[in-house]
Amino acid sequence: MKQPAGGSWLDPRVAAGAAIAALALWWAFRDVPFRELWRALAGADLWLAVLPSVACHWASLWVRALRWQQLAAAVGELPLAPAYRATAVRFMANNLFPLRLGELAGAWVVSREVGGSAAAWFGT
């Protein structure tokens, strides 16, 4: 399909997507008193939310790395430290790239650190 001369914002699909997003944001925030919200956020101690969430994320990565160790036993020995690092890379890349490309990145990291075929690690 040929792009409109003025750029992608003139594409009807982009305009429809932006309109739907704007409508959804309006619907979600229609009854929110923003002055009260900002006042409450300004007085909140965000460290009480940030520190436990970071600790829970690290613990989640550790448990997932332990699980990957067990699943990868058929391919080869996977020490915990490389499994943890590769799991962190997988999650980071899955958040940045489409189509769960982080799974490929994690297998690539393990193959570089531990050795073996990235395809075999990916299969685990």
N, C-alpha and C. Protein backbone atom coordinates (compact mmCIF):
# COMPACT_ATOMS: atom_id res chain seq x y z
N MET A 1 0.84 -1.18 0.00
CA MET A 1 0.00 0.00 0.00
C MET A 1 0.88 1.24 0.00
N LYS A 2 0.54 2.20 -0.82
CA LYS A 2 1.32 3.42 -0.94
C LYS A 2 1.05 4.34 0.25
N GLN A 3 2.13 4.89 0.81
CA GLN A 3 2.00 5.81 1.93
C GLN A 3 1.49 7.16 1.46
N PRO A 4 0.63 7.84 2.22
CA PRO A 4 0.19 9.18 1.84
C PRO A 4 1.37 10.14 1.83
N ALA A 5 1.29 11.18 1.02
CA ALA A 5 2.39 12.12 0.85
C ALA A 5 2.71 12.88 2.13
N GLY A 6 1.73 13.12 2.98
CA GLY A 6 1.95 13.91 4.18
C GLY A 6 2.55 13.14 5.33
N GLY A 7 2.76 11.86 5.21
CA GLY A 7 3.31 11.06 6.29
C GLY A 7 2.32 10.03 6.79
N SER A 8 2.75 9.28 7.75
CA SER A 8 1.94 8.16 8.21
C SER A 8 0.73 8.60 9.05
N TRP A 9 0.72 9.82 9.60
CA TRP A 9 -0.42 10.26 10.41
C TRP A 9 -1.68 10.43 9.56
N LEU A 10 -1.51 10.55 8.25
CA LEU A 10 -2.67 10.68 7.38
C LEU A 10 -3.26 9.33 6.99
N ASP A 11 -2.56 8.28 7.32
CA ASP A 11 -3.06 6.93 7.06
C ASP A 11 -4.30 6.71 7.92
N PRO A 12 -5.41 6.27 7.35
CA PRO A 12 -6.63 6.10 8.14
C PRO A 12 -6.49 5.09 9.27
N ARG A 13 -5.63 4.09 9.11
CA ARG A 13 -5.44 3.11 10.18
C ARG A 13 -4.76 3.74 11.39
N VAL A 14 -3.78 4.61 11.14
CA VAL A 14 -3.09 5.29 12.24
C VAL A 14 -4.06 6.24 12.94
N ALA A 15 -4.84 6.97 12.15
CA ALA A 15 -5.81 7.90 12.74
C ALA A 15 -6.85 7.14 13.56
N ALA A 16 -7.32 5.99 13.06
CA ALA A 16 -8.30 5.20 13.81
C ALA A 16 -7.68 4.66 15.10
N GLY A 17 -6.44 4.19 15.03
CA GLY A 17 -5.77 3.69 16.23
C GLY A 17 -5.58 4.78 17.26
N ALA A 18 -5.17 5.98 16.81
CA ALA A 18 -5.01 7.11 17.74
C ALA A 18 -6.34 7.51 18.35
N ALA A 19 -7.40 7.49 17.55
CA ALA A 19 -8.72 7.85 18.07
C ALA A 19 -9.20 6.83 19.09
N ILE A 20 -8.99 5.56 18.83
CA ILE A 20 -9.38 4.52 19.79
C ILE A 20 -8.59 4.66 21.09
N ALA A 21 -7.27 4.92 20.97
CA ALA A 21 -6.45 5.10 22.16
C ALA A 21 -6.90 6.32 22.97
N ALA A 22 -7.20 7.42 22.29
CA ALA A 22 -7.67 8.63 22.97
C ALA A 22 -9.00 8.38 23.66
N LEU A 23 -9.90 7.66 22.99
CA LEU A 23 -11.19 7.33 23.59
C LEU A 23 -11.01 6.44 24.83
N ALA A 24 -10.12 5.46 24.74
CA ALA A 24 -9.88 4.58 25.88
C ALA A 24 -9.28 5.34 27.05
N LEU A 25 -8.35 6.26 26.78
CA LEU A 25 -7.78 7.07 27.86
C LEU A 25 -8.83 7.97 28.49
N TRP A 26 -9.66 8.59 27.67
CA TRP A 26 -10.74 9.41 28.21
C TRP A 26 -11.66 8.57 29.09
N TRP A 27 -12.02 7.39 28.62
CA TRP A 27 -12.93 6.51 29.37
C TRP A 27 -12.30 6.10 30.71
N ALA A 28 -11.02 5.79 30.70
CA ALA A 28 -10.35 5.35 31.92
C ALA A 28 -10.19 6.47 32.94
N PHE A 29 -10.00 7.70 32.47
CA PHE A 29 -9.71 8.81 33.37
C PHE A 29 -10.84 9.83 33.48
N ARG A 30 -12.02 9.49 33.03
CA ARG A 30 -13.11 10.48 32.99
C ARG A 30 -13.54 10.96 34.37
N ASP A 31 -13.45 10.13 35.40
CA ASP A 31 -13.90 10.53 36.73
C ASP A 31 -12.74 10.77 37.71
N VAL A 32 -11.53 10.90 37.18
CA VAL A 32 -10.37 11.06 38.06
C VAL A 32 -10.14 12.55 38.33
N PRO A 33 -10.15 12.95 39.59
CA PRO A 33 -9.81 14.34 39.93
C PRO A 33 -8.28 14.49 39.95
N PHE A 34 -7.72 15.07 38.89
CA PHE A 34 -6.28 15.09 38.71
C PHE A 34 -5.54 15.90 39.76
N ARG A 35 -6.12 16.95 40.26
CA ARG A 35 -5.44 17.72 41.32
C ARG A 35 -5.26 16.86 42.57
N GLU A 36 -6.27 16.12 42.93
CA GLU A 36 -6.15 15.22 44.09
C GLU A 36 -5.16 14.10 43.81
N LEU A 37 -5.18 13.59 42.60
CA LEU A 37 -4.25 12.52 42.23
C LEU A 37 -2.81 13.00 42.35
N TRP A 38 -2.49 14.17 41.77
CA TRP A 38 -1.12 14.69 41.85
C TRP A 38 -0.73 15.00 43.28
N ARG A 39 -1.66 15.51 44.08
CA ARG A 39 -1.36 15.80 45.48
C ARG A 39 -1.03 14.50 46.24
N ALA A 40 -1.79 13.46 45.97
CA ALA A 40 -1.55 12.18 46.63
C ALA A 40 -0.22 11.57 46.19
N LEU A 41 0.08 11.67 44.89
CA LEU A 41 1.35 11.13 44.41
C LEU A 41 2.54 11.91 44.94
N ALA A 42 2.39 13.23 45.08
CA ALA A 42 3.48 14.04 45.60
C ALA A 42 3.79 13.69 47.05
N GLY A 43 2.79 13.29 47.80
CA GLY A 43 3.00 12.95 49.20
C GLY A 43 3.31 11.48 49.44
N ALA A 44 3.30 10.69 48.40
CA ALA A 44 3.52 9.25 48.57
C ALA A 44 5.00 8.93 48.68
N ASP A 45 5.30 7.90 49.45
CA ASP A 45 6.66 7.40 49.55
C ASP A 45 6.82 6.27 48.55
N LEU A 46 7.33 6.60 47.36
CA LEU A 46 7.39 5.62 46.28
C LEU A 46 8.41 4.51 46.54
N TRP A 47 9.34 4.75 47.47
CA TRP A 47 10.30 3.69 47.78
C TRP A 47 9.59 2.46 48.35
N LEU A 48 8.46 2.68 49.00
CA LEU A 48 7.70 1.55 49.54
C LEU A 48 7.13 0.68 48.43
N ALA A 49 6.97 1.23 47.24
CA ALA A 49 6.49 0.45 46.10
C ALA A 49 7.64 -0.06 45.24
N VAL A 50 8.69 0.74 45.08
CA VAL A 50 9.78 0.39 44.18
C VAL A 50 10.63 -0.75 44.74
N LEU A 51 11.04 -0.65 45.99
CA LEU A 51 11.94 -1.66 46.54
C LEU A 51 11.34 -3.07 46.57
N PRO A 52 10.11 -3.24 47.04
CA PRO A 52 9.55 -4.60 47.00
C PRO A 52 9.33 -5.11 45.58
N SER A 53 8.97 -4.24 44.66
CA SER A 53 8.74 -4.71 43.30
C SER A 53 10.04 -5.13 42.64
N VAL A 54 11.13 -4.43 42.90
CA VAL A 54 12.43 -4.84 42.35
C VAL A 54 12.87 -6.16 42.96
N ALA A 55 12.69 -6.30 44.27
CA ALA A 55 13.04 -7.56 44.92
C ALA A 55 12.22 -8.73 44.38
N CYS A 56 10.94 -8.51 44.17
CA CYS A 56 10.08 -9.57 43.61
C CYS A 56 10.48 -9.90 42.18
N HIS A 57 10.88 -8.90 41.40
CA HIS A 57 11.32 -9.16 40.03
C HIS A 57 12.59 -10.00 40.03
N TRP A 58 13.55 -9.65 40.88
CA TRP A 58 14.79 -10.43 40.96
C TRP A 58 14.51 -11.86 41.40
N ALA A 59 13.62 -12.02 42.37
CA ALA A 59 13.26 -13.37 42.83
C ALA A 59 12.58 -14.16 41.72
N SER A 60 11.73 -13.49 40.96
CA SER A 60 11.06 -14.15 39.83
C SER A 60 12.07 -14.61 38.79
N LEU A 61 13.05 -13.76 38.49
CA LEU A 61 14.09 -14.16 37.53
C LEU A 61 14.88 -15.35 38.06
N TRP A 62 15.17 -15.36 39.36
CA TRP A 62 15.92 -16.46 39.95
C TRP A 62 15.14 -17.77 39.83
N VAL A 63 13.85 -17.75 40.15
CA VAL A 63 13.03 -18.96 40.06
C VAL A 63 12.94 -19.44 38.61
N ARG A 64 12.79 -18.51 37.67
CA ARG A 64 12.73 -18.88 36.27
C ARG A 64 14.05 -19.45 35.78
N ALA A 65 15.16 -18.91 36.29
CA ALA A 65 16.47 -19.46 35.92
C ALA A 65 16.63 -20.87 36.48
N LEU A 66 16.17 -21.10 37.71
CA LEU A 66 16.21 -22.46 38.27
C LEU A 66 15.37 -23.42 37.43
N ARG A 67 14.21 -22.96 36.99
CA ARG A 67 13.35 -23.81 36.15
C ARG A 67 14.04 -24.11 34.83
N TRP A 68 14.69 -23.09 34.25
CA TRP A 68 15.37 -23.30 32.97
C TRP A 68 16.53 -24.28 33.13
N GLN A 69 17.20 -24.24 34.27
CA GLN A 69 18.26 -25.23 34.53
C GLN A 69 17.72 -26.64 34.41
N GLN A 70 16.58 -26.90 35.00
CA GLN A 70 15.98 -28.23 34.96
C GLN A 70 15.55 -28.61 33.54
N LEU A 71 14.96 -27.67 32.84
CA LEU A 71 14.51 -27.95 31.47
C LEU A 71 15.68 -28.17 30.52
N ALA A 72 16.81 -27.51 30.80
CA ALA A 72 17.96 -27.59 29.91
C ALA A 72 18.89 -28.74 30.23
N ALA A 73 18.57 -29.55 31.20
CA ALA A 73 19.47 -30.65 31.60
C ALA A 73 19.72 -31.62 30.45
N ALA A 74 18.76 -31.77 29.56
CA ALA A 74 18.94 -32.68 28.43
C ALA A 74 19.95 -32.15 27.42
N VAL A 75 20.11 -30.83 27.35
CA VAL A 75 21.04 -30.23 26.39
C VAL A 75 22.44 -30.19 26.96
N GLY A 76 22.56 -29.83 28.22
CA GLY A 76 23.86 -29.72 28.85
C GLY A 76 23.73 -29.06 30.21
N GLU A 77 24.85 -28.97 30.89
CA GLU A 77 24.84 -28.34 32.21
C GLU A 77 24.72 -26.83 32.04
N LEU A 78 23.77 -26.26 32.74
CA LEU A 78 23.53 -24.82 32.69
C LEU A 78 23.70 -24.26 34.10
N PRO A 79 24.85 -23.63 34.37
CA PRO A 79 25.05 -23.05 35.70
C PRO A 79 24.03 -21.94 35.97
N LEU A 80 23.79 -21.69 37.24
CA LEU A 80 22.75 -20.74 37.62
C LEU A 80 23.06 -19.31 37.18
N ALA A 81 24.30 -18.87 37.31
CA ALA A 81 24.62 -17.47 36.97
C ALA A 81 24.35 -17.17 35.49
N PRO A 82 24.83 -17.99 34.54
CA PRO A 82 24.48 -17.70 33.14
C PRO A 82 22.99 -17.84 32.86
N ALA A 83 22.34 -18.77 33.53
CA ALA A 83 20.89 -18.92 33.34
C ALA A 83 20.16 -17.68 33.83
N TYR A 84 20.59 -17.13 34.96
CA TYR A 84 19.98 -15.92 35.51
C TYR A 84 20.19 -14.74 34.56
N ARG A 85 21.43 -14.56 34.10
CA ARG A 85 21.71 -13.44 33.19
C ARG A 85 20.93 -13.57 31.90
N ALA A 86 20.87 -14.77 31.35
CA ALA A 86 20.13 -14.97 30.10
C ALA A 86 18.64 -14.76 30.30
N THR A 87 18.12 -15.14 31.45
CA THR A 87 16.71 -14.92 31.75
C THR A 87 16.42 -13.42 31.84
N ALA A 88 17.33 -12.67 32.45
CA ALA A 88 17.16 -11.22 32.52
C ALA A 88 17.21 -10.59 31.13
N VAL A 89 18.12 -11.08 30.29
CA VAL A 89 18.20 -10.57 28.92
C VAL A 89 16.94 -10.91 28.15
N ARG A 90 16.41 -12.13 28.34
CA ARG A 90 15.18 -12.53 27.66
C ARG A 90 14.03 -11.59 28.01
N PHE A 91 13.87 -11.30 29.29
CA PHE A 91 12.77 -10.43 29.71
C PHE A 91 12.96 -9.02 29.18
N MET A 92 14.19 -8.51 29.23
CA MET A 92 14.45 -7.16 28.74
C MET A 92 14.17 -7.08 27.24
N ALA A 93 14.65 -8.06 26.48
CA ALA A 93 14.45 -8.04 25.03
C ALA A 93 12.98 -8.26 24.66
N ASN A 94 12.27 -9.10 25.42
CA ASN A 94 10.85 -9.29 25.14
C ASN A 94 10.06 -8.01 25.37
N ASN A 95 10.52 -7.17 26.28
CA ASN A 95 9.86 -5.89 26.51
C ASN A 95 10.21 -4.85 25.45
N LEU A 96 11.35 -5.03 24.79
CA LEU A 96 11.79 -4.05 23.80
C LEU A 96 11.41 -4.41 22.37
N PHE A 97 11.42 -5.69 22.05
CA PHE A 97 11.25 -6.12 20.67
C PHE A 97 9.95 -6.90 20.50
N PRO A 98 9.40 -6.89 19.30
CA PRO A 98 8.16 -7.64 19.06
C PRO A 98 8.44 -9.13 18.87
N LEU A 99 7.37 -9.90 18.82
CA LEU A 99 7.41 -11.32 18.47
C LEU A 99 8.25 -12.16 19.42
N ARG A 100 8.37 -11.74 20.66
CA ARG A 100 9.13 -12.48 21.68
C ARG A 100 10.54 -12.82 21.22
N LEU A 101 11.20 -11.86 20.59
CA LEU A 101 12.57 -12.07 20.12
C LEU A 101 13.55 -12.23 21.28
N GLY A 102 13.11 -11.90 22.47
CA GLY A 102 13.96 -12.09 23.64
C GLY A 102 14.31 -13.55 23.88
N GLU A 103 13.44 -14.45 23.46
CA GLU A 103 13.74 -15.88 23.62
C GLU A 103 14.99 -16.24 22.82
N LEU A 104 15.12 -15.67 21.63
CA LEU A 104 16.32 -15.90 20.82
C LEU A 104 17.54 -15.26 21.48
N ALA A 105 17.35 -14.06 22.03
CA ALA A 105 18.47 -13.37 22.68
C ALA A 105 18.96 -14.15 23.90
N GLY A 106 18.05 -14.72 24.68
CA GLY A 106 18.46 -15.51 25.84
C GLY A 106 19.23 -16.75 25.44
N ALA A 107 18.78 -17.43 24.40
CA ALA A 107 19.49 -18.62 23.92
C ALA A 107 20.87 -18.23 23.40
N TRP A 108 20.97 -17.10 22.74
CA TRP A 108 22.26 -16.64 22.22
C TRP A 108 23.23 -16.33 23.36
N VAL A 109 22.72 -15.68 24.42
CA VAL A 109 23.57 -15.35 25.58
C VAL A 109 24.10 -16.63 26.23
N VAL A 110 23.24 -17.61 26.41
CA VAL A 110 23.68 -18.87 27.03
C VAL A 110 24.68 -19.59 26.15
N SER A 111 24.46 -19.60 24.85
CA SER A 111 25.40 -20.29 23.96
C SER A 111 26.76 -19.63 23.99
N ARG A 112 26.80 -18.31 24.16
CA ARG A 112 28.09 -17.61 24.24
C ARG A 112 28.77 -17.86 25.58
N GLU A 113 28.00 -17.92 26.66
CA GLU A 113 28.60 -18.06 27.99
C GLU A 113 28.96 -19.51 28.32
N VAL A 114 28.06 -20.44 27.97
CA VAL A 114 28.23 -21.83 28.37
C VAL A 114 28.80 -22.66 27.23
N GLY A 115 28.49 -22.27 26.00
CA GLY A 115 28.89 -23.04 24.84
C GLY A 115 27.71 -23.86 24.35
N GLY A 116 27.90 -24.50 23.26
CA GLY A 116 26.83 -25.30 22.69
C GLY A 116 26.06 -24.51 21.64
N SER A 117 25.09 -25.16 21.08
CA SER A 117 24.32 -24.57 20.01
C SER A 117 23.22 -23.67 20.55
N ALA A 118 23.11 -22.47 19.97
CA ALA A 118 22.04 -21.56 20.38
C ALA A 118 20.67 -22.17 20.05
N ALA A 119 20.62 -22.94 18.97
CA ALA A 119 19.34 -23.58 18.60
C ALA A 119 18.93 -24.61 19.65
N ALA A 120 19.90 -25.35 20.17
CA ALA A 120 19.58 -26.34 21.20
C ALA A 120 19.11 -25.64 22.48
N TRP A 121 19.78 -24.56 22.88
CA TRP A 121 19.36 -23.81 24.07
C TRP A 121 17.99 -23.20 23.85
N PHE A 122 17.73 -22.71 22.63
CA PHE A 122 16.44 -22.14 22.32
C PHE A 122 15.34 -23.19 22.44
N GLY A 123 15.64 -24.40 22.10
CA GLY A 123 14.66 -25.48 22.19
C GLY A 123 14.25 -25.82 23.59
N THR A 124 15.03 -25.40 24.58
CA THR A 124 14.67 -25.70 25.95
C THR A 124 13.69 -24.67 26.47
